[in-house]
C-alpha cells in the first residue's frame, strides 16, 4: 500500500508540563500534521488493516527556502551552494513518530510495535511539486 499525504511535515511534539500549585499536569501539544495524516487515513476507510509484521517506508518532501534559489532572471535556478539534502529541523525521528502514531490512531496499524523495519528520508522538492510524505506499507510474510 502506498499513498501521499499533502502538507508541510511537522515533528511529533514533546510532552509539556504545567505546574499549578503543588500539582503537575502533563499534556501533549496538538500536532496539526498528525491530524492531517489521521484524516487522510480515515478517508481511506476500507483499505487494508495491518496486524502482523510490516515494513513502513516514509519519504518526506519539503519545499526549498527562497534562499536556495538565484535572483533576477535566473530565479528558478538553484544556487551552486544549495544543499542536496534536507538537514534542518524537524529531525527524522520525530517526523517518523508523528506519522506512525497517526497510522495507529487512524486505524491502519494495530500498534506501532508491528513495524519491524523501514526507511525514512527527507528531501527537497521543486516549487511545482507538493510537500508532504509518501507512506509505503508492506506486510511481511
N, C-alpha and C. Protein backbone atom coordinates (compact mmCIF):
# COMPACT_ATOMS: atom_id res chain seq x y z
N UNK A 1 0.85 -1.17 0.00
CA UNK A 1 0.00 0.00 0.00
C UNK A 1 0.90 1.23 0.00
N UNK A 2 0.55 2.17 -0.85
CA UNK A 2 1.34 3.41 -0.95
C UNK A 2 0.37 4.57 -1.12
N UNK A 3 0.59 5.65 -0.37
CA UNK A 3 -0.25 6.84 -0.50
C UNK A 3 0.54 8.08 -0.11
N UNK A 4 0.03 9.24 -0.55
CA UNK A 4 0.70 10.51 -0.30
C UNK A 4 -0.13 11.36 0.63
N UNK A 5 0.53 12.03 1.56
CA UNK A 5 -0.13 12.95 2.49
C UNK A 5 0.38 14.35 2.16
N UNK A 6 -0.53 15.22 1.71
CA UNK A 6 -0.18 16.59 1.34
C UNK A 6 -0.03 17.45 2.58
N UNK A 7 0.86 18.41 2.53
CA UNK A 7 1.04 19.35 3.63
C UNK A 7 2.51 19.48 3.99
N UNK A 8 2.78 20.33 4.96
CA UNK A 8 4.16 20.51 5.43
C UNK A 8 4.39 19.59 6.62
N UNK A 9 5.27 18.61 6.48
CA UNK A 9 5.51 17.68 7.58
C UNK A 9 6.02 18.39 8.84
N UNK A 10 5.47 17.99 9.97
CA UNK A 10 5.87 18.54 11.27
C UNK A 10 6.26 17.39 12.18
N UNK A 11 7.17 17.67 13.08
CA UNK A 11 7.65 16.66 14.02
C UNK A 11 6.64 16.44 15.15
N UNK A 12 6.72 15.26 15.76
CA UNK A 12 5.92 14.96 16.94
C UNK A 12 6.40 15.86 18.06
N UNK A 13 5.50 16.58 18.68
CA UNK A 13 5.87 17.49 19.76
C UNK A 13 6.17 16.73 21.04
N UNK A 14 7.08 17.24 21.81
CA UNK A 14 7.42 16.65 23.10
C UNK A 14 6.32 16.94 24.11
N UNK A 15 6.13 16.04 25.09
CA UNK A 15 5.15 16.32 26.14
C UNK A 15 5.54 17.59 26.91
N UNK A 16 4.55 18.33 27.36
CA UNK A 16 4.78 19.55 28.12
C UNK A 16 4.27 19.34 29.54
N UNK A 17 4.80 20.13 30.45
CA UNK A 17 4.41 20.02 31.85
C UNK A 17 3.94 21.39 32.33
N UNK A 18 2.83 21.40 33.03
CA UNK A 18 2.29 22.64 33.59
C UNK A 18 2.14 22.45 35.09
N UNK A 19 2.66 23.40 35.83
CA UNK A 19 2.60 23.33 37.29
C UNK A 19 1.53 24.29 37.78
N UNK A 20 0.65 23.79 38.61
CA UNK A 20 -0.39 24.62 39.22
C UNK A 20 -0.39 24.28 40.70
N UNK A 21 0.17 25.17 41.47
CA UNK A 21 0.31 24.88 42.89
C UNK A 21 1.28 23.73 43.08
N UNK A 22 0.82 22.70 43.80
CA UNK A 22 1.67 21.53 44.04
C UNK A 22 1.50 20.45 42.99
N UNK A 23 0.47 20.57 42.16
CA UNK A 23 0.23 19.52 41.16
C UNK A 23 0.91 19.87 39.83
N UNK A 24 1.32 18.82 39.13
CA UNK A 24 1.95 18.96 37.83
C UNK A 24 1.09 18.21 36.82
N UNK A 25 0.72 18.89 35.76
CA UNK A 25 -0.10 18.29 34.73
C UNK A 25 0.75 18.07 33.48
N UNK A 26 0.62 16.90 32.86
CA UNK A 26 1.34 16.59 31.64
C UNK A 26 0.36 16.62 30.48
N UNK A 27 0.77 17.23 29.38
CA UNK A 27 -0.09 17.25 28.20
C UNK A 27 0.78 17.26 26.95
N UNK A 28 0.20 16.84 25.84
CA UNK A 28 0.90 16.86 24.56
C UNK A 28 0.29 17.96 23.70
N UNK A 29 1.12 18.85 23.19
CA UNK A 29 0.60 19.89 22.30
C UNK A 29 -0.03 19.27 21.06
N UNK A 30 -1.04 19.93 20.51
CA UNK A 30 -1.72 19.42 19.32
C UNK A 30 -0.78 19.53 18.13
N UNK A 31 -0.68 18.45 17.39
CA UNK A 31 0.17 18.42 16.21
C UNK A 31 -0.75 18.40 14.99
N UNK A 32 -0.82 19.53 14.30
CA UNK A 32 -1.73 19.64 13.16
C UNK A 32 -1.36 18.67 12.04
N UNK A 33 -0.07 18.44 11.83
CA UNK A 33 0.38 17.49 10.80
C UNK A 33 -0.15 16.10 11.10
N UNK A 34 -0.08 15.70 12.36
CA UNK A 34 -0.56 14.38 12.76
C UNK A 34 -2.07 14.26 12.49
N UNK A 35 -2.79 15.33 12.69
CA UNK A 35 -4.24 15.33 12.42
C UNK A 35 -4.50 15.20 10.92
N UNK A 36 -3.66 15.82 10.08
CA UNK A 36 -3.79 15.71 8.63
C UNK A 36 -3.58 14.26 8.21
N UNK A 37 -2.58 13.61 8.79
CA UNK A 37 -2.29 12.21 8.47
C UNK A 37 -3.47 11.33 8.87
N UNK A 38 -4.01 11.53 10.08
CA UNK A 38 -5.16 10.73 10.54
C UNK A 38 -6.36 10.94 9.62
N UNK A 39 -6.59 12.18 9.19
CA UNK A 39 -7.72 12.47 8.30
C UNK A 39 -7.56 11.74 6.98
N UNK A 40 -6.33 11.74 6.44
CA UNK A 40 -6.06 11.04 5.17
C UNK A 40 -6.34 9.55 5.31
N UNK A 41 -6.00 8.99 6.46
CA UNK A 41 -6.23 7.57 6.70
C UNK A 41 -7.72 7.28 6.83
N UNK A 42 -8.45 8.17 7.49
CA UNK A 42 -9.90 7.97 7.63
C UNK A 42 -10.60 8.01 6.27
N UNK A 43 -10.09 8.83 5.35
CA UNK A 43 -10.65 8.88 4.00
C UNK A 43 -10.47 7.53 3.31
N UNK A 44 -9.39 6.84 3.65
CA UNK A 44 -9.07 5.56 3.00
C UNK A 44 -9.80 4.38 3.67
N UNK A 45 -10.82 4.63 4.46
CA UNK A 45 -11.53 3.53 5.14
C UNK A 45 -11.87 2.45 4.14
N UNK A 46 -11.73 1.23 4.55
CA UNK A 46 -11.98 0.11 3.66
C UNK A 46 -10.68 -0.44 3.09
N UNK A 47 -9.57 0.31 3.29
CA UNK A 47 -8.28 -0.18 2.84
C UNK A 47 -7.79 -1.24 3.83
N UNK A 48 -6.60 -1.74 3.60
CA UNK A 48 -6.05 -2.79 4.43
C UNK A 48 -5.90 -2.36 5.89
N UNK A 49 -6.00 -3.34 6.78
CA UNK A 49 -5.71 -3.15 8.20
C UNK A 49 -4.59 -4.11 8.52
N UNK A 50 -3.51 -3.62 9.09
CA UNK A 50 -2.33 -4.44 9.34
C UNK A 50 -2.23 -4.79 10.82
N UNK A 51 -2.06 -6.09 11.10
CA UNK A 51 -1.90 -6.53 12.48
C UNK A 51 -0.68 -7.43 12.66
N UNK A 52 -0.01 -7.78 11.56
CA UNK A 52 1.22 -8.57 11.62
C UNK A 52 2.40 -7.69 11.25
N UNK A 53 3.58 -8.27 11.26
CA UNK A 53 4.82 -7.53 10.99
C UNK A 53 4.74 -6.78 9.65
N UNK A 54 5.15 -5.51 9.68
CA UNK A 54 5.13 -4.68 8.49
C UNK A 54 6.44 -3.91 8.35
N UNK A 55 6.69 -3.50 7.12
CA UNK A 55 7.78 -2.58 6.81
C UNK A 55 7.12 -1.26 6.44
N UNK A 56 7.56 -0.17 7.05
CA UNK A 56 7.00 1.16 6.76
C UNK A 56 8.12 2.06 6.27
N UNK A 57 7.99 2.52 5.03
CA UNK A 57 8.95 3.45 4.45
C UNK A 57 8.28 4.81 4.33
N UNK A 58 8.98 5.84 4.79
CA UNK A 58 8.45 7.20 4.78
C UNK A 58 9.40 8.10 4.00
N UNK A 59 8.85 8.82 3.04
CA UNK A 59 9.63 9.73 2.19
C UNK A 59 9.07 11.14 2.38
N UNK A 60 9.74 11.94 3.20
CA UNK A 60 9.28 13.30 3.49
C UNK A 60 9.84 14.26 2.45
N UNK A 61 8.97 15.14 1.95
CA UNK A 61 9.33 16.11 0.93
C UNK A 61 9.07 17.52 1.46
N UNK A 62 10.09 18.35 1.40
CA UNK A 62 9.99 19.73 1.87
C UNK A 62 10.28 20.69 0.72
N UNK A 63 9.58 21.83 0.72
CA UNK A 63 9.90 22.87 -0.25
C UNK A 63 11.21 23.53 0.15
N UNK A 64 11.98 23.91 -0.84
CA UNK A 64 13.23 24.63 -0.58
C UNK A 64 12.92 26.07 -0.17
N UNK A 65 13.71 26.62 0.74
CA UNK A 65 13.53 28.04 1.06
C UNK A 65 13.99 28.90 -0.12
N UNK A 66 13.51 30.12 -0.21
CA UNK A 66 13.88 31.02 -1.31
C UNK A 66 15.38 31.29 -1.34
N UNK A 67 16.05 31.17 -0.21
CA UNK A 67 17.49 31.44 -0.17
C UNK A 67 18.30 30.41 -0.97
N UNK A 68 17.69 29.27 -1.35
CA UNK A 68 18.39 28.27 -2.16
C UNK A 68 18.38 28.64 -3.65
N UNK A 69 17.55 29.62 -4.02
CA UNK A 69 17.40 29.97 -5.43
C UNK A 69 18.17 31.25 -5.77
N UNK A 70 18.52 31.36 -7.03
CA UNK A 70 19.19 32.57 -7.52
C UNK A 70 18.18 33.71 -7.60
N UNK A 71 18.64 34.88 -7.99
CA UNK A 71 17.76 36.04 -8.12
C UNK A 71 17.76 36.52 -9.56
N UNK A 72 16.89 37.46 -9.83
CA UNK A 72 16.82 38.05 -11.16
C UNK A 72 16.21 37.11 -12.18
N UNK A 73 16.75 37.16 -13.41
CA UNK A 73 16.16 36.34 -14.47
C UNK A 73 16.45 34.85 -14.28
N UNK A 74 17.34 34.48 -13.36
CA UNK A 74 17.66 33.08 -13.08
C UNK A 74 17.01 32.61 -11.77
N UNK A 75 15.96 33.28 -11.37
CA UNK A 75 15.34 32.99 -10.07
C UNK A 75 14.78 31.57 -9.94
N UNK A 76 14.60 30.86 -11.04
CA UNK A 76 14.10 29.48 -10.98
C UNK A 76 15.22 28.45 -10.87
N UNK A 77 16.46 28.91 -10.92
CA UNK A 77 17.61 28.00 -10.84
C UNK A 77 18.17 27.98 -9.42
N UNK A 78 18.66 26.82 -9.02
CA UNK A 78 19.27 26.70 -7.70
C UNK A 78 20.66 27.29 -7.68
N UNK A 79 21.05 27.83 -6.54
CA UNK A 79 22.42 28.29 -6.35
C UNK A 79 23.33 27.06 -6.30
N UNK A 80 24.60 27.26 -6.64
CA UNK A 80 25.56 26.17 -6.54
C UNK A 80 25.73 25.72 -5.09
N UNK A 81 25.51 26.64 -4.15
CA UNK A 81 25.70 26.34 -2.74
C UNK A 81 24.47 25.69 -2.09
N UNK A 82 23.38 25.54 -2.83
CA UNK A 82 22.15 24.95 -2.27
C UNK A 82 22.40 23.50 -1.87
N UNK A 83 22.04 23.12 -0.65
CA UNK A 83 22.29 21.73 -0.21
C UNK A 83 21.41 20.73 -0.95
N UNK A 84 21.93 19.54 -1.09
CA UNK A 84 21.19 18.47 -1.76
C UNK A 84 20.15 17.85 -0.83
N UNK A 85 20.52 17.70 0.44
CA UNK A 85 19.66 17.02 1.42
C UNK A 85 19.05 17.99 2.42
N UNK A 86 17.89 17.64 2.93
CA UNK A 86 17.21 18.43 3.96
C UNK A 86 17.82 18.05 5.31
N UNK A 87 18.74 18.87 5.79
CA UNK A 87 19.43 18.56 7.04
C UNK A 87 19.01 19.46 8.19
N UNK A 88 17.96 20.20 7.99
CA UNK A 88 17.44 21.10 9.03
C UNK A 88 16.35 20.40 9.83
N UNK A 89 15.86 21.09 10.86
CA UNK A 89 14.74 20.55 11.62
C UNK A 89 13.51 20.59 10.75
N UNK A 90 12.55 19.75 10.94
CA UNK A 90 12.40 18.76 12.00
C UNK A 90 13.27 17.53 11.75
N UNK A 91 13.64 16.86 12.85
CA UNK A 91 14.51 15.70 12.71
C UNK A 91 13.71 14.46 12.33
N UNK A 92 14.42 13.51 11.76
CA UNK A 92 13.84 12.29 11.20
C UNK A 92 13.04 11.49 12.24
N UNK A 93 13.58 11.33 13.43
CA UNK A 93 12.92 10.51 14.46
C UNK A 93 11.54 11.03 14.82
N UNK A 94 11.45 12.35 15.03
CA UNK A 94 10.16 12.92 15.43
C UNK A 94 9.17 12.98 14.28
N UNK A 95 9.66 13.10 13.05
CA UNK A 95 8.76 13.01 11.89
C UNK A 95 8.16 11.60 11.80
N UNK A 96 9.02 10.59 11.97
CA UNK A 96 8.56 9.19 11.95
C UNK A 96 7.50 8.96 13.03
N UNK A 97 7.77 9.45 14.23
CA UNK A 97 6.87 9.21 15.36
C UNK A 97 5.48 9.81 15.09
N UNK A 98 5.45 11.01 14.54
CA UNK A 98 4.16 11.64 14.25
C UNK A 98 3.34 10.81 13.27
N UNK A 99 3.99 10.30 12.21
CA UNK A 99 3.27 9.54 11.19
C UNK A 99 2.87 8.16 11.71
N UNK A 100 3.78 7.47 12.38
CA UNK A 100 3.44 6.12 12.85
C UNK A 100 2.36 6.16 13.92
N UNK A 101 2.38 7.17 14.79
CA UNK A 101 1.30 7.32 15.77
C UNK A 101 -0.03 7.56 15.08
N UNK A 102 -0.02 8.38 14.04
CA UNK A 102 -1.25 8.66 13.29
C UNK A 102 -1.75 7.42 12.55
N UNK A 103 -0.83 6.58 12.07
CA UNK A 103 -1.24 5.33 11.42
C UNK A 103 -1.97 4.42 12.39
N UNK A 104 -1.54 4.41 13.64
CA UNK A 104 -2.21 3.61 14.68
C UNK A 104 -3.53 4.27 15.07
N UNK A 105 -3.49 5.58 15.35
CA UNK A 105 -4.71 6.30 15.76
C UNK A 105 -5.77 6.27 14.66
N UNK A 106 -5.35 6.29 13.41
CA UNK A 106 -6.28 6.26 12.28
C UNK A 106 -6.82 4.88 11.97
N UNK A 107 -6.28 3.85 12.64
CA UNK A 107 -6.80 2.50 12.48
C UNK A 107 -6.19 1.71 11.34
N UNK A 108 -5.06 2.15 10.80
CA UNK A 108 -4.43 1.41 9.72
C UNK A 108 -3.49 0.32 10.26
N UNK A 109 -2.85 0.60 11.40
CA UNK A 109 -1.99 -0.38 12.06
C UNK A 109 -2.58 -0.70 13.43
N UNK A 110 -2.43 -1.97 13.86
CA UNK A 110 -2.94 -2.33 15.18
C UNK A 110 -2.11 -1.70 16.29
N UNK A 111 -0.80 -1.56 16.07
CA UNK A 111 0.10 -0.96 17.05
C UNK A 111 1.40 -0.62 16.32
N UNK A 112 2.11 0.40 16.79
CA UNK A 112 3.35 0.73 16.08
C UNK A 112 4.48 -0.25 16.38
N UNK A 113 4.27 -1.15 17.32
CA UNK A 113 5.28 -2.18 17.59
C UNK A 113 5.35 -3.23 16.48
N UNK A 114 4.36 -3.28 15.59
CA UNK A 114 4.40 -4.26 14.50
C UNK A 114 5.30 -3.80 13.36
N UNK A 115 5.79 -2.56 13.44
CA UNK A 115 6.75 -2.06 12.45
C UNK A 115 8.11 -2.63 12.80
N UNK A 116 8.59 -3.54 11.96
CA UNK A 116 9.86 -4.22 12.26
C UNK A 116 11.03 -3.70 11.43
N UNK A 117 10.74 -3.01 10.35
CA UNK A 117 11.81 -2.40 9.57
C UNK A 117 11.22 -1.31 8.69
N UNK A 118 12.12 -0.51 8.14
CA UNK A 118 11.68 0.57 7.27
C UNK A 118 12.78 1.59 7.06
N UNK A 119 12.51 2.49 6.16
CA UNK A 119 13.46 3.54 5.82
C UNK A 119 12.73 4.88 5.85
N UNK A 120 13.43 5.90 6.26
CA UNK A 120 12.87 7.24 6.26
C UNK A 120 13.87 8.17 5.60
N UNK A 121 13.37 9.03 4.72
CA UNK A 121 14.24 10.00 4.08
C UNK A 121 13.58 11.37 4.10
N UNK A 122 14.43 12.40 4.06
CA UNK A 122 13.98 13.79 4.00
C UNK A 122 14.66 14.41 2.78
N UNK A 123 13.88 14.97 1.89
CA UNK A 123 14.46 15.58 0.70
C UNK A 123 13.73 16.87 0.36
N UNK A 124 14.35 17.63 -0.54
CA UNK A 124 13.74 18.85 -1.05
C UNK A 124 13.02 18.55 -2.36
N UNK A 125 11.96 19.31 -2.62
CA UNK A 125 11.26 19.21 -3.91
C UNK A 125 11.21 20.61 -4.52
N UNK A 126 10.93 20.64 -5.81
CA UNK A 126 10.84 21.92 -6.51
C UNK A 126 9.57 22.65 -6.09
N UNK A 127 9.48 23.90 -6.50
CA UNK A 127 8.30 24.71 -6.16
C UNK A 127 7.02 24.13 -6.75
N UNK A 128 7.14 23.43 -7.88
CA UNK A 128 5.97 22.88 -8.56
C UNK A 128 5.45 21.62 -7.88
N UNK A 129 6.31 20.92 -7.17
CA UNK A 129 5.91 19.67 -6.52
C UNK A 129 5.29 19.95 -5.16
N UNK A 130 4.49 19.00 -4.69
CA UNK A 130 3.84 19.14 -3.39
C UNK A 130 4.76 18.71 -2.26
N UNK A 131 4.71 19.46 -1.16
CA UNK A 131 5.41 19.00 0.04
C UNK A 131 4.48 18.02 0.74
N UNK A 132 5.06 17.13 1.51
CA UNK A 132 4.26 16.14 2.20
C UNK A 132 5.06 14.89 2.48
N UNK A 133 4.37 13.75 2.48
CA UNK A 133 5.03 12.49 2.82
C UNK A 133 4.41 11.34 2.04
N UNK A 134 5.27 10.56 1.39
CA UNK A 134 4.85 9.30 0.80
C UNK A 134 4.96 8.25 1.88
N UNK A 135 3.89 7.48 2.08
CA UNK A 135 3.88 6.39 3.05
C UNK A 135 3.73 5.10 2.29
N UNK A 136 4.62 4.18 2.55
CA UNK A 136 4.61 2.88 1.89
C UNK A 136 4.59 1.80 2.97
N UNK A 137 3.55 0.96 2.97
CA UNK A 137 3.43 -0.09 3.98
C UNK A 137 3.41 -1.44 3.26
N UNK A 138 4.31 -2.32 3.68
CA UNK A 138 4.37 -3.66 3.11
C UNK A 138 4.22 -4.69 4.22
N UNK A 139 3.29 -5.59 4.03
CA UNK A 139 3.12 -6.67 5.01
C UNK A 139 4.21 -7.71 4.78
N UNK A 140 4.84 -8.14 5.83
CA UNK A 140 5.89 -9.14 5.73
C UNK A 140 5.33 -10.50 6.08
N UNK A 141 5.63 -11.49 5.26
CA UNK A 141 5.09 -12.82 5.45
C UNK A 141 5.70 -13.50 6.60
